[in-house]
Amino acid sequence: MGDGSPTPPATFGGPGWTVRAATHGDDVQRGDWWAPCGVTTEWGRIRSVLLSWPSERFSVVGDADESLFLSWPDLNTLRRQCEETTRFFEEHGVRVHVHRSAEPPPMNYLFMRDLIFMCGDGAVLARPASPVRAPEVRWAQAALAELGVPILCTIAGEGTLEGADCLWIGGNTVLVGVGTRTNVQGAEQLRGVLSGRGVDVQTVSLPTGVQHLLGVFVMLDSDLAMARGDCMSPEILSVLQGQGIDVLLFDEGEESGALRGMNGVTFGPREVVIPTGCPGIEQQLRDAGVTVHSLDVGAYIQAAGALGCMTAILHRD
């Protein structure tokens, strides 16, 4: 060292010590340590998703309203529909991870989209506003850790945020719906994560009675979305149109309401899977050049969700 001091070993910064040059994003893209993951659009081709195996707690009938359900779903039907959804995704080239926890998770641990928001290089863990759903994040965290998906942060403090309130509407823009389930503090924490990644976060107010922003519109392509006309506010419509996005508006009715016909998953550009029993929505989508598939998720609809809610998308092109 020139002053008579002994040369320190590598562990103390001596010869042999090197500093990593790659960014975290580089590490994720390389795929040596982390699972292939990352989402920066709502319409890129899906590569992997996360579902939850319905809890055995459903075998004991409880109060639907206390659990935030519309009516009490049957456990065997939930599990059959989870298996059918898994098989459908796999048949379309999607890798499906079904989280089967050794410890029975909370009953509402069905709707994985709510618990995770995926960025280009990892996940942000949500913080649900409802005390009933608050414990679910622990199970979501375990699922991501088992898969090797990096967790960038967890919404904390007074912030609340659910993944279904956060939608990519452009390659560098995320729209966050602020309402009953996601508050301003949660949106600001997400903004802190994304701003360093060159992503702009815009916020809009959700109309009264809407669960999530995902219940207002679903992106079908970079320039096309489908939306519930009865829930679409002028503010949200203005933001989408400002991004050059055409909006297919669906009339208020049983298909868009009770049957959750728009609560779907976009597989890739202009290809979507929606709940069964919605021929009017299917035809309007086909008329717009969209390829449509359908699946029976009636038991999940009883639990106040459907395909879009139950599917956490971990990796898109």
C-alpha atoms as a PDB file:
ATOM      1  CA  MET A   1       0.000   0.000   0.000  1.00  0.00           C
ATOM      2  CA  GLY A   2       3.082   2.248   0.128  1.00  0.00           C
ATOM      3  CA  ASP A   3       2.844   3.141   3.829  1.00  0.00           C
ATOM      4  CA  GLY A   4       4.035  -0.130   5.285  1.00  0.00           C
ATOM      5  CA  SER A   5       0.523  -1.419   5.978  1.00  0.00           C
ATOM      6  CA  PRO A   6      -0.217  -4.964   4.883  1.00  0.00           C
ATOM      7  CA  THR A   7      -2.337  -5.357   1.759  1.00  0.00           C
ATOM      8  CA  PRO A   8      -5.895  -6.256   2.835  1.00  0.00           C
ATOM      9  CA  PRO A   9      -7.484  -9.431   1.493  1.00  0.00           C
ATOM     10  CA  ALA A  10     -10.268  -9.286  -1.047  1.00  0.00           C
ATOM     11  CA  THR A  11     -12.962  -9.425   1.636  1.00  0.00           C
ATOM     12  CA  PHE A  12     -11.738  -6.037   2.922  1.00  0.00           C
ATOM     13  CA  GLY A  13     -11.486  -4.473  -0.514  1.00  0.00           C
ATOM     14  CA  GLY A  14      -8.005  -5.661  -1.414  1.00  0.00           C
ATOM     15  CA  PRO A  15      -6.827  -7.370  -4.608  1.00  0.00           C
ATOM     16  CA  GLY A  16      -9.534  -9.589  -6.042  1.00  0.00           C
ATOM     17  CA  TRP A  17     -12.403  -7.381  -4.882  1.00  0.00           C
ATOM     18  CA  THR A  18     -14.676  -6.242  -7.709  1.00  0.00           C
ATOM     19  CA  VAL A  19     -17.794  -4.093  -7.786  1.00  0.00           C
ATOM     20  CA  ARG A  20     -20.805  -5.267  -9.760  1.00  0.00           C
ATOM     21  CA  ALA A  21     -21.419  -3.088 -12.784  1.00  0.00           C
ATOM     22  CA  ALA A  22     -24.796  -4.449 -13.922  1.00  0.00           C
ATOM     23  CA  THR A  23     -28.054  -2.848 -12.799  1.00  0.00           C
ATOM     24  CA  HIS A  24     -30.841  -4.765 -11.103  1.00  0.00           C
ATOM     25  CA  GLY A  25     -32.744  -4.677 -14.390  1.00  0.00           C
ATOM     26  CA  ASP A  26     -29.751  -6.231 -16.128  1.00  0.00           C
ATOM     27  CA  ASP A  27     -29.718  -9.010 -13.518  1.00  0.00           C
ATOM     28  CA  VAL A  28     -33.391  -9.764 -14.099  1.00  0.00           C
ATOM     29  CA  GLN A  29     -33.025  -9.748 -17.883  1.00  0.00           C
ATOM     30  CA  ARG A  30     -30.035 -12.093 -17.704  1.00  0.00           C
ATOM     31  CA  GLY A  31     -32.151 -14.634 -15.831  1.00  0.00           C
ATOM     32  CA  ASP A  32     -29.371 -16.300 -13.835  1.00  0.00           C
ATOM     33  CA  TRP A  33     -30.642 -15.401 -10.368  1.00  0.00           C
ATOM     34  CA  TRP A  34     -34.182 -14.176 -10.838  1.00  0.00           C
ATOM     35  CA  ALA A  35     -37.134 -15.782 -12.555  1.00  0.00           C
ATOM     36  CA  PRO A  36     -38.005 -14.406 -15.989  1.00  0.00           C
ATOM     37  CA  CYS A  37     -40.467 -11.643 -15.199  1.00  0.00           C
ATOM     38  CA  GLY A  38     -41.448  -8.081 -15.971  1.00  0.00           C
ATOM     39  CA  VAL A  39     -44.452  -6.181 -17.268  1.00  0.00           C
ATOM     40  CA  THR A  40     -44.489  -2.795 -18.990  1.00  0.00           C
ATOM     41  CA  THR A  41     -47.723  -3.096 -21.015  1.00  0.00           C
ATOM     42  CA  GLU A  42     -51.195  -4.558 -20.583  1.00  0.00           C
ATOM     43  CA  TRP A  43     -51.191  -6.046 -24.104  1.00  0.00           C
ATOM     44  CA  GLY A  44     -47.814  -7.713 -24.698  1.00  0.00           C
ATOM     45  CA  ARG A  45     -47.887 -11.472 -25.156  1.00  0.00           C
ATOM     46  CA  ILE A  46     -48.244 -13.168 -21.758  1.00  0.00           C
ATOM     47  CA  ARG A  47     -45.448 -15.551 -20.765  1.00  0.00           C
ATOM     48  CA  SER A  48     -46.237 -16.388 -17.123  1.00  0.00           C
ATOM     49  CA  VAL A  49     -48.987 -15.837 -14.577  1.00  0.00           C
ATOM     50  CA  LEU A  50     -49.668 -16.523 -10.905  1.00  0.00           C
ATOM     51  CA  LEU A  51     -52.934 -18.003  -9.618  1.00  0.00           C
ATOM     52  CA  SER A  52     -53.946 -19.093  -6.120  1.00  0.00           C
ATOM     53  CA  TRP A  53     -55.314 -22.509  -5.205  1.00  0.00           C
ATOM     54  CA  PRO A  54     -58.643 -21.849  -3.402  1.00  0.00           C
ATOM     55  CA  SER A  55     -58.377 -22.282   0.362  1.00  0.00           C
ATOM     56  CA  GLU A  56     -59.983 -25.178   2.208  1.00  0.00           C
ATOM     57  CA  ARG A  57     -61.517 -22.526   4.438  1.00  0.00           C
ATOM     58  CA  PHE A  58     -64.281 -22.295   1.835  1.00  0.00           C
ATOM     59  CA  SER A  59     -65.542 -25.684   3.003  1.00  0.00           C
ATOM     60  CA  VAL A  60     -67.167 -23.918   5.966  1.00  0.00           C
ATOM     61  CA  VAL A  61     -69.865 -21.542   4.797  1.00  0.00           C
ATOM     62  CA  GLY A  62     -69.577 -18.080   6.290  1.00  0.00           C
ATOM     63  CA  ASP A  63     -71.070 -14.626   5.895  1.00  0.00           C
ATOM     64  CA  ALA A  64     -70.568 -13.537   2.276  1.00  0.00           C
ATOM     65  CA  ASP A  65     -70.776  -9.826   2.994  1.00  0.00           C
ATOM     66  CA  GLU A  66     -68.165  -9.988   5.757  1.00  0.00           C
ATOM     67  CA  SER A  67     -65.773 -11.617   3.267  1.00  0.00           C
ATOM     68  CA  LEU A  68     -66.584  -9.030   0.555  1.00  0.00           C
ATOM     69  CA  PHE A  69     -68.290 -11.712  -1.566  1.00  0.00           C
ATOM     70  CA  LEU A  70     -71.565 -11.400  -3.444  1.00  0.00           C
ATOM     71  CA  SER A  71     -72.589 -14.899  -2.354  1.00  0.00           C
ATOM     72  CA  TRP A  72     -70.737 -17.846  -0.875  1.00  0.00           C
ATOM     73  CA  PRO A  73     -68.884 -19.856  -3.578  1.00  0.00           C
ATOM     74  CA  ASP A  74     -68.533 -23.629  -3.507  1.00  0.00           C
ATOM     75  CA  LEU A  75     -64.990 -24.857  -2.803  1.00  0.00           C
ATOM     76  CA  ASN A  76     -65.041 -27.741  -5.303  1.00  0.00           C
ATOM     77  CA  THR A  77     -66.379 -25.478  -8.051  1.00  0.00           C
ATOM     78  CA  LEU A  78     -63.707 -22.861  -7.341  1.00  0.00           C
ATOM     79  CA  ARG A  79     -60.993 -25.499  -7.563  1.00  0.00           C
ATOM     80  CA  ARG A  80     -62.397 -26.987 -10.765  1.00  0.00           C
ATOM     81  CA  GLN A  81     -62.530 -23.563 -12.392  1.00  0.00           C
ATOM     82  CA  CYS A  82     -58.985 -22.824 -11.211  1.00  0.00           C
ATOM     83  CA  GLU A  83     -57.811 -26.063 -12.857  1.00  0.00           C
ATOM     84  CA  GLU A  84     -59.695 -25.271 -16.069  1.00  0.00           C
ATOM     85  CA  THR A  85     -58.199 -21.779 -16.180  1.00  0.00           C
ATOM     86  CA  THR A  86     -54.735 -23.215 -15.606  1.00  0.00           C
ATOM     87  CA  ARG A  87     -55.188 -25.736 -18.393  1.00  0.00           C
ATOM     88  CA  PHE A  88     -56.496 -23.068 -20.780  1.00  0.00           C
ATOM     89  CA  PHE A  89     -53.517 -20.778 -20.153  1.00  0.00           C
ATOM     90  CA  GLU A  90     -51.046 -23.632 -20.564  1.00  0.00           C
ATOM     91  CA  GLU A  91     -52.658 -24.706 -23.834  1.00  0.00           C
ATOM     92  CA  HIS A  92     -52.007 -21.166 -25.080  1.00  0.00           C
ATOM     93  CA  GLY A  93     -48.314 -21.255 -24.217  1.00  0.00           C
ATOM     94  CA  VAL A  94     -48.473 -19.508 -20.841  1.00  0.00           C
ATOM     95  CA  ARG A  95     -46.480 -20.779 -17.888  1.00  0.00           C
ATOM     96  CA  VAL A  96     -48.846 -20.981 -14.922  1.00  0.00           C
ATOM     97  CA  HIS A  97     -47.748 -20.916 -11.295  1.00  0.00           C
ATOM     98  CA  VAL A  98     -50.492 -21.972  -8.877  1.00  0.00           C
ATOM     99  CA  HIS A  99     -49.638 -21.048  -5.304  1.00  0.00           C
ATOM    100  CA  ARG A 100     -50.594 -23.908  -2.995  1.00  0.00           C
ATOM    101  CA  SER A 101     -49.674 -22.775   0.480  1.00  0.00           C
ATOM    102  CA  ALA A 102     -49.099 -25.389   3.205  1.00  0.00           C
ATOM    103  CA  GLU A 103     -50.821 -23.009   5.626  1.00  0.00           C
ATOM    104  CA  PRO A 104     -54.388 -22.258   4.485  1.00  0.00           C
ATOM    105  CA  PRO A 105     -54.450 -18.670   3.235  1.00  0.00           C
ATOM    106  CA  PRO A 106     -57.282 -16.217   3.889  1.00  0.00           C
ATOM    107  CA  MET A 107     -60.393 -16.978   1.839  1.00  0.00           C
ATOM    108  CA  ASN A 108     -60.110 -13.841  -0.263  1.00  0.00           C
ATOM    109  CA  TYR A 109     -56.676 -14.957  -1.398  1.00  0.00           C
ATOM    110  CA  LEU A 110     -58.213 -15.696  -4.779  1.00  0.00           C
ATOM    111  CA  PHE A 111     -57.638 -12.443  -6.606  1.00  0.00           C
ATOM    112  CA  MET A 112     -53.903 -12.210  -7.183  1.00  0.00           C
ATOM    113  CA  ARG A 113     -54.039  -9.203  -9.498  1.00  0.00           C
ATOM    114  CA  ASP A 114     -55.057  -7.075  -6.523  1.00  0.00           C
ATOM    115  CA  LEU A 115     -51.988  -8.053  -4.482  1.00  0.00           C
ATOM    116  CA  ILE A 116     -49.195  -7.417  -6.991  1.00  0.00           C
ATOM    117  CA  PHE A 117     -48.236  -4.683  -9.415  1.00  0.00           C
ATOM    118  CA  MET A 118     -45.549  -5.770 -11.853  1.00  0.00           C
ATOM    119  CA  CYS A 119     -42.893  -3.405 -13.171  1.00  0.00           C
ATOM    120  CA  GLY A 120     -40.297  -4.148 -15.814  1.00  0.00           C
ATOM    121  CA  ASP A 121     -37.865  -5.595 -13.269  1.00  0.00           C
ATOM    122  CA  GLY A 122     -39.949  -6.895 -10.385  1.00  0.00           C
ATOM    123  CA  ALA A 123     -43.032  -6.623  -8.233  1.00  0.00           C
ATOM    124  CA  VAL A 124     -44.534  -4.033  -5.945  1.00  0.00           C
ATOM    125  CA  LEU A 125     -46.518  -5.671  -3.146  1.00  0.00           C
ATOM    126  CA  ALA A 126     -49.868  -4.059  -2.552  1.00  0.00           C
ATOM    127  CA  ARG A 127     -51.410  -2.963   0.743  1.00  0.00           C
ATOM    128  CA  PRO A 128     -55.174  -3.629   0.587  1.00  0.00           C
ATOM    129  CA  ALA A 129     -57.447  -1.081   2.222  1.00  0.00           C
ATOM    130  CA  SER A 130     -59.867  -3.621   3.688  1.00  0.00           C
ATOM    131  CA  PRO A 131     -58.884  -5.233   7.027  1.00  0.00           C
ATOM    132  CA  VAL A 132     -60.419  -8.463   5.688  1.00  0.00           C
ATOM    133  CA  ARG A 133     -57.864  -8.574   2.878  1.00  0.00           C
ATOM    134  CA  ALA A 134     -54.894  -7.108   4.733  1.00  0.00           C
ATOM    135  CA  PRO A 135     -53.254 -10.479   5.643  1.00  0.00           C
ATOM    136  CA  GLU A 136     -53.178 -11.678   2.031  1.00  0.00           C
ATOM    137  CA  VAL A 137     -49.996  -9.795   1.182  1.00  0.00           C
ATOM    138  CA  ARG A 138     -48.016 -12.179   3.393  1.00  0.00           C
ATOM    139  CA  TRP A 139     -49.026 -15.105   1.179  1.00  0.00           C
ATOM    140  CA  ALA A 140     -48.372 -13.151  -2.012  1.00  0.00           C
ATOM    141  CA  GLN A 141     -44.910 -12.294  -0.734  1.00  0.00           C
ATOM    142  CA  ALA A 142     -44.214 -15.985  -0.074  1.00  0.00           C
ATOM    143  CA  ALA A 143     -45.444 -16.934  -3.553  1.00  0.00           C
ATOM    144  CA  LEU A 144     -43.157 -14.433  -5.251  1.00  0.00           C
ATOM    145  CA  ALA A 145     -40.182 -15.471  -3.129  1.00  0.00           C
ATOM    146  CA  GLU A 146     -40.722 -19.144  -3.988  1.00  0.00           C
ATOM    147  CA  LEU A 147     -40.773 -18.291  -7.691  1.00  0.00           C
ATOM    148  CA  GLY A 148     -37.714 -16.037  -7.569  1.00  0.00           C
ATOM    149  CA  VAL A 149     -39.563 -12.871  -8.583  1.00  0.00           C
ATOM    150  CA  PRO A 150     -37.808  -9.814  -7.101  1.00  0.00           C
ATOM    151  CA  ILE A 151     -39.889  -7.658  -4.771  1.00  0.00           C
ATOM    152  CA  LEU A 152     -39.016  -4.008  -5.311  1.00  0.00           C
ATOM    153  CA  CYS A 153     -41.013  -2.645  -2.380  1.00  0.00           C
ATOM    154  CA  THR A 154     -44.123  -3.051  -0.259  1.00  0.00           C
ATOM    155  CA  ILE A 155     -46.615  -0.213   0.058  1.00  0.00           C
ATOM    156  CA  ALA A 156     -46.365   0.937   3.661  1.00  0.00           C
ATOM    157  CA  GLY A 157     -47.357   3.583   6.197  1.00  0.00           C
ATOM    158  CA  GLU A 158     -50.815   5.001   5.581  1.00  0.00           C
ATOM    159  CA  GLY A 159     -50.660   4.095   1.905  1.00  0.00           C
ATOM    160  CA  THR A 160     -53.118   1.638   0.417  1.00  0.00           C
ATOM    161  CA  LEU A 161     -52.847   0.282  -3.099  1.00  0.00           C
ATOM    162  CA  GLU A 162     -54.221  -2.672  -5.051  1.00  0.00           C
ATOM    163  CA  GLY A 163     -52.711  -3.903  -8.298  1.00  0.00           C
ATOM    164  CA  ALA A 164     -56.005  -3.837 -10.195  1.00  0.00           C
ATOM    165  CA  ASP A 165     -56.054  -0.052  -9.725  1.00  0.00           C
ATOM    166  CA  CYS A 166     -52.780   0.346 -11.637  1.00  0.00           C
ATOM    167  CA  LEU A 167     -52.777  -0.098 -15.421  1.00  0.00           C
ATOM    168  CA  TRP A 168     -50.057   0.429 -18.006  1.00  0.00           C
ATOM    169  CA  ILE A 169     -51.566   2.658 -20.698  1.00  0.00           C
ATOM    170  CA  GLY A 170     -48.325   3.282 -22.592  1.00  0.00           C
ATOM    171  CA  GLY A 171     -44.738   2.114 -22.622  1.00  0.00           C
ATOM    172  CA  ASN A 172     -43.819   4.679 -19.988  1.00  0.00           C
ATOM    173  CA  THR A 173     -47.153   5.602 -18.408  1.00  0.00           C
ATOM    174  CA  VAL A 174     -49.125   3.971 -15.596  1.00  0.00           C
ATOM    175  CA  LEU A 175     -52.616   5.157 -14.727  1.00  0.00           C
ATOM    176  CA  VAL A 176     -53.658   4.731 -11.078  1.00  0.00           C
ATOM    177  CA  GLY A 177     -57.270   4.874  -9.943  1.00  0.00           C
ATOM    178  CA  VAL A 178     -57.662   6.526  -6.557  1.00  0.00           C
ATOM    179  CA  GLY A 179     -60.819   5.590  -4.683  1.00  0.00           C
ATOM    180  CA  THR A 180     -62.003   3.153  -2.041  1.00  0.00           C
ATOM    181  CA  ARG A 181     -59.073   0.751  -2.278  1.00  0.00           C
ATOM    182  CA  THR A 182     -56.106   2.826  -3.444  1.00  0.00           C
ATOM    183  CA  ASN A 183     -55.402   6.153  -1.784  1.00  0.00           C
ATOM    184  CA  VAL A 184     -53.212   9.122  -2.672  1.00  0.00           C
ATOM    185  CA  GLN A 185     -50.414   7.982  -0.334  1.00  0.00           C
ATOM    186  CA  GLY A 186     -50.257   4.573  -2.003  1.00  0.00           C
ATOM    187  CA  ALA A 187     -50.197   6.133  -5.459  1.00  0.00           C
ATOM    188  CA  GLU A 188     -47.368   8.433  -4.406  1.00  0.00           C
ATOM    189  CA  GLN A 189     -45.319   5.505  -3.120  1.00  0.00           C
ATOM    190  CA  LEU A 190     -45.771   3.754  -6.466  1.00  0.00           C
ATOM    191  CA  ARG A 191     -44.753   6.966  -8.204  1.00  0.00           C
ATOM    192  CA  GLY A 192     -41.522   6.930  -6.182  1.00  0.00           C
ATOM    193  CA  VAL A 193     -40.728   3.417  -7.429  1.00  0.00           C
ATOM    194  CA  LEU A 194     -41.546   4.102 -11.070  1.00  0.00           C
ATOM    195  CA  SER A 195     -40.131   7.598 -11.502  1.00  0.00           C
ATOM    196  CA  GLY A 196     -36.592   6.245 -11.166  1.00  0.00           C
ATOM    197  CA  ARG A 197     -37.412   3.839 -13.979  1.00  0.00           C
ATOM    198  CA  GLY A 198     -38.493   6.597 -16.342  1.00  0.00           C
ATOM    199  CA  VAL A 199     -42.193   5.816 -15.918  1.00  0.00           C
ATOM    200  CA  ASP A 200     -44.803   8.534 -15.463  1.00  0.00           C
ATOM    201  CA  VAL A 201     -47.626   7.884 -12.987  1.00  0.00           C
ATOM    202  CA  GLN A 202     -50.929   9.652 -13.577  1.00  0.00           C
ATOM    203  CA  THR A 203     -53.870   9.439 -11.178  1.00  0.00           C
ATOM    204  CA  VAL A 204     -57.615   9.601 -11.756  1.00  0.00           C
ATOM    205  CA  SER A 205     -60.555   9.471  -9.362  1.00  0.00           C
ATOM    206  CA  LEU A 206     -62.670   6.340  -9.539  1.00  0.00           C
ATOM    207  CA  PRO A 207     -66.435   6.686  -9.849  1.00  0.00           C
ATOM    208  CA  THR A 208     -68.468   5.760  -6.765  1.00  0.00           C
ATOM    209  CA  GLY A 209     -69.265   2.063  -6.516  1.00  0.00           C
ATOM    210  CA  VAL A 210     -66.360   0.899  -8.708  1.00  0.00           C
ATOM    211  CA  GLN A 211     -64.026  -1.664  -7.136  1.00  0.00           C
ATOM    212  CA  HIS A 212     -60.954  -1.009  -9.277  1.00  0.00           C
ATOM    213  CA  LEU A 213     -59.741   0.859 -12.338  1.00  0.00           C
ATOM    214  CA  LEU A 214     -59.627  -2.555 -14.055  1.00  0.00           C
ATOM    215  CA  GLY A 215     -63.401  -2.617 -13.652  1.00  0.00           C
ATOM    216  CA  VAL A 216     -63.689   0.548 -15.743  1.00  0.00           C
ATOM    217  CA  PHE A 217     -61.547  -0.408 -18.728  1.00  0.00           C
ATOM    218  CA  VAL A 218     -59.250  -3.134 -20.042  1.00  0.00           C
ATOM    219  CA  MET A 219     -56.442  -2.465 -22.505  1.00  0.00           C
ATOM    220  CA  LEU A 220     -56.656  -4.678 -25.607  1.00  0.00           C
ATOM    221  CA  ASP A 221     -53.738  -3.188 -27.533  1.00  0.00           C
ATOM    222  CA  SER A 222     -51.528  -0.131 -27.432  1.00  0.00           C
ATOM    223  CA  ASP A 223     -54.282   1.892 -29.083  1.00  0.00           C
ATOM    224  CA  LEU A 224     -57.479   0.079 -28.059  1.00  0.00           C
ATOM    225  CA  ALA A 225     -59.387  -0.453 -24.814  1.00  0.00           C
ATOM    226  CA  MET A 226     -62.793  -1.825 -23.886  1.00  0.00           C
ATOM    227  CA  ALA A 227     -64.730   0.030 -21.207  1.00  0.00           C
ATOM    228  CA  ARG A 228     -67.988   0.019 -19.281  1.00  0.00           C
ATOM    229  CA  GLY A 229     -69.981   3.004 -20.463  1.00  0.00           C
ATOM    230  CA  ASP A 230     -71.771   3.331 -17.117  1.00  0.00           C
ATOM    231  CA  CYS A 231     -68.448   3.545 -15.239  1.00  0.00           C
ATOM    232  CA  MET A 232     -66.316   5.536 -17.655  1.00  0.00           C
ATOM    233  CA  SER A 233     -65.872   9.064 -16.312  1.00  0.00           C
ATOM    234  CA  PRO A 234     -64.994  12.049 -18.534  1.00  0.00           C
ATOM    235  CA  GLU A 235     -61.673  12.298 -16.661  1.00  0.00           C
ATOM    236  CA  ILE A 236     -60.630   8.713 -17.423  1.00  0.00           C
ATOM    237  CA  LEU A 237     -61.862   8.909 -21.020  1.00  0.00           C
ATOM    238  CA  SER A 238     -59.880  12.110 -21.551  1.00  0.00           C
ATOM    239  CA  VAL A 239     -56.666  10.485 -20.296  1.00  0.00           C
ATOM    240  CA  LEU A 240     -57.073   7.477 -22.592  1.00  0.00           C
ATOM    241  CA  GLN A 241     -57.904   9.571 -25.624  1.00  0.00           C
ATOM    242  CA  GLY A 242     -54.937  11.793 -24.818  1.00  0.00           C
ATOM    243  CA  GLN A 243     -52.767   8.694 -25.172  1.00  0.00           C
ATOM    244  CA  GLY A 244     -54.242   7.979 -28.615  1.00  0.00           C
ATOM    245  CA  ILE A 245     -56.339   5.068 -27.330  1.00  0.00           C
ATOM    246  CA  ASP A 246     -59.659   4.254 -28.985  1.00  0.00           C
ATOM    247  CA  VAL A 247     -62.291   3.170 -26.463  1.00  0.00           C
ATOM    248  CA  LEU A 248     -64.969   0.558 -27.171  1.00  0.00           C
ATOM    249  CA  LEU A 249     -67.832   1.463 -24.846  1.00  0.00           C
ATOM    250  CA  PHE A 250     -70.166  -1.295 -23.704  1.00  0.00           C
ATOM    251  CA  ASP A 251     -73.693  -0.548 -22.606  1.00  0.00           C
ATOM    252  CA  GLU A 252     -74.770  -1.017 -19.022  1.00  0.00           C
ATOM    253  CA  GLY A 253     -76.434  -4.395 -18.605  1.00  0.00           C
ATOM    254  CA  GLU A 254     -76.170  -7.914 -17.217  1.00  0.00           C
ATOM    255  CA  GLU A 255     -73.198  -8.897 -19.376  1.00  0.00           C
ATOM    256  CA  SER A 256     -70.980  -5.999 -18.314  1.00  0.00           C
ATOM    257  CA  GLY A 257     -72.356  -5.961 -14.760  1.00  0.00           C
ATOM    258  CA  ALA A 258     -73.485  -9.176 -13.075  1.00  0.00           C
ATOM    259  CA  LEU A 259     -71.687 -11.495 -15.511  1.00  0.00           C
ATOM    260  CA  ARG A 260     -68.406  -9.536 -15.372  1.00  0.00           C
ATOM    261  CA  GLY A 261     -68.025  -9.832 -19.123  1.00  0.00           C
ATOM    262  CA  MET A 262     -65.258  -7.247 -19.298  1.00  0.00           C
ATOM    263  CA  ASN A 263     -63.283  -8.724 -16.407  1.00  0.00           C
ATOM    264  CA  GLY A 264     -60.895 -10.489 -18.754  1.00  0.00           C
ATOM    265  CA  VAL A 265     -57.238 -11.068 -19.482  1.00  0.00           C
ATOM    266  CA  THR A 266     -55.559  -9.729 -22.608  1.00  0.00           C
ATOM    267  CA  PHE A 267     -53.298 -12.512 -23.925  1.00  0.00           C
ATOM    268  CA  GLY A 268     -51.577 -10.392 -26.501  1.00  0.00           C
ATOM    269  CA  PRO A 269     -52.440  -7.618 -28.939  1.00  0.00           C
ATOM    270  CA  ARG A 270     -56.189  -7.817 -29.667  1.00  0.00           C
ATOM    271  CA  GLU A 271     -56.642 -11.249 -28.098  1.00  0.00           C
ATOM    272  CA  VAL A 272     -58.608 -11.623 -24.880  1.00  0.00           C
ATOM    273  CA  VAL A 273     -60.275 -14.254 -22.676  1.00  0.00           C
ATOM    274  CA  ILE A 274     -63.457 -13.225 -20.855  1.00  0.00           C
ATOM    275  CA  PRO A 275     -66.077 -14.985 -18.690  1.00  0.00           C
ATOM    276  CA  THR A 276     -68.631 -17.138 -20.502  1.00  0.00           C
ATOM    277  CA  GLY A 277     -72.198 -16.109 -21.144  1.00  0.00           C
ATOM    278  CA  CYS A 278     -71.557 -12.713 -22.735  1.00  0.00           C
ATOM    279  CA  PRO A 279     -72.366 -13.096 -26.455  1.00  0.00           C
ATOM    280  CA  GLY A 280     -73.055  -9.389 -26.944  1.00  0.00           C
ATOM    281  CA  ILE A 281     -69.646  -8.378 -25.638  1.00  0.00           C
ATOM    282  CA  GLU A 282     -67.976 -11.174 -27.624  1.00  0.00           C
ATOM    283  CA  GLN A 283     -69.597 -10.012 -30.856  1.00  0.00           C
ATOM    284  CA  GLN A 284     -68.725  -6.362 -30.324  1.00  0.00           C
ATOM    285  CA  LEU A 285     -65.105  -7.317 -29.668  1.00  0.00           C
ATOM    286  CA  ARG A 286     -64.963  -9.522 -32.763  1.00  0.00           C
ATOM    287  CA  ASP A 287     -66.447  -6.735 -34.845  1.00  0.00           C
ATOM    288  CA  ALA A 288     -63.498  -4.602 -33.671  1.00  0.00           C
ATOM    289  CA  GLY A 289     -61.002  -7.225 -34.846  1.00  0.00           C
ATOM    290  CA  VAL A 290     -60.348  -8.783 -31.430  1.00  0.00           C
ATOM    291  CA  THR A 291     -59.881 -12.550 -30.999  1.00  0.00           C
ATOM    292  CA  VAL A 292     -62.094 -13.683 -28.104  1.00  0.00           C
ATOM    293  CA  HIS A 293     -61.960 -16.768 -25.875  1.00  0.00           C
ATOM    294  CA  SER A 294     -64.241 -17.484 -22.929  1.00  0.00           C
ATOM    295  CA  LEU A 295     -64.019 -19.457 -19.681  1.00  0.00           C
ATOM    296  CA  ASP A 296     -66.472 -20.348 -16.942  1.00  0.00           C
ATOM    297  CA  VAL A 297     -65.441 -18.606 -13.713  1.00  0.00           C
ATOM    298  CA  GLY A 298     -68.899 -18.345 -12.178  1.00  0.00           C
ATOM    299  CA  ALA A 299     -67.741 -19.283  -8.672  1.00  0.00           C
ATOM    300  CA  TYR A 300     -65.164 -16.483  -8.750  1.00  0.00           C
ATOM    301  CA  ILE A 301     -67.891 -14.082  -9.858  1.00  0.00           C
ATOM    302  CA  GLN A 302     -69.810 -15.079  -6.716  1.00  0.00           C
ATOM    303  CA  ALA A 303     -66.708 -13.980  -4.793  1.00  0.00           C
ATOM    304  CA  ALA A 304     -66.905 -10.583  -6.576  1.00  0.00           C
ATOM    305  CA  GLY A 305     -64.150 -11.065  -9.140  1.00  0.00           C
ATOM    306  CA  ALA A 306     -63.393 -12.857 -12.404  1.00  0.00           C
ATOM    307  CA  LEU A 307     -60.517 -13.654 -14.776  1.00  0.00           C
ATOM    308  CA  GLY A 308     -58.828 -10.260 -14.666  1.00  0.00           C
ATOM    309  CA  CYS A 309     -58.905 -10.216 -10.866  1.00  0.00           C
ATOM    310  CA  MET A 310     -57.707 -13.786 -10.290  1.00  0.00           C
ATOM    311  CA  THR A 311     -54.718 -13.574 -12.651  1.00  0.00           C
ATOM    312  CA  ALA A 312     -51.484 -11.865 -11.604  1.00  0.00           C
ATOM    313  CA  ILE A 313     -49.449 -11.473 -14.773  1.00  0.00           C
ATOM    314  CA  LEU A 314     -45.749 -11.901 -13.985  1.00  0.00           C
ATOM    315  CA  HIS A 315     -44.191 -11.697 -17.432  1.00  0.00           C
ATOM    316  CA  ARG A 316     -45.190 -10.165 -20.750  1.00  0.00           C
ATOM    317  CA  ASP A 317     -43.213  -9.564 -23.895  1.00  0.00           C
END
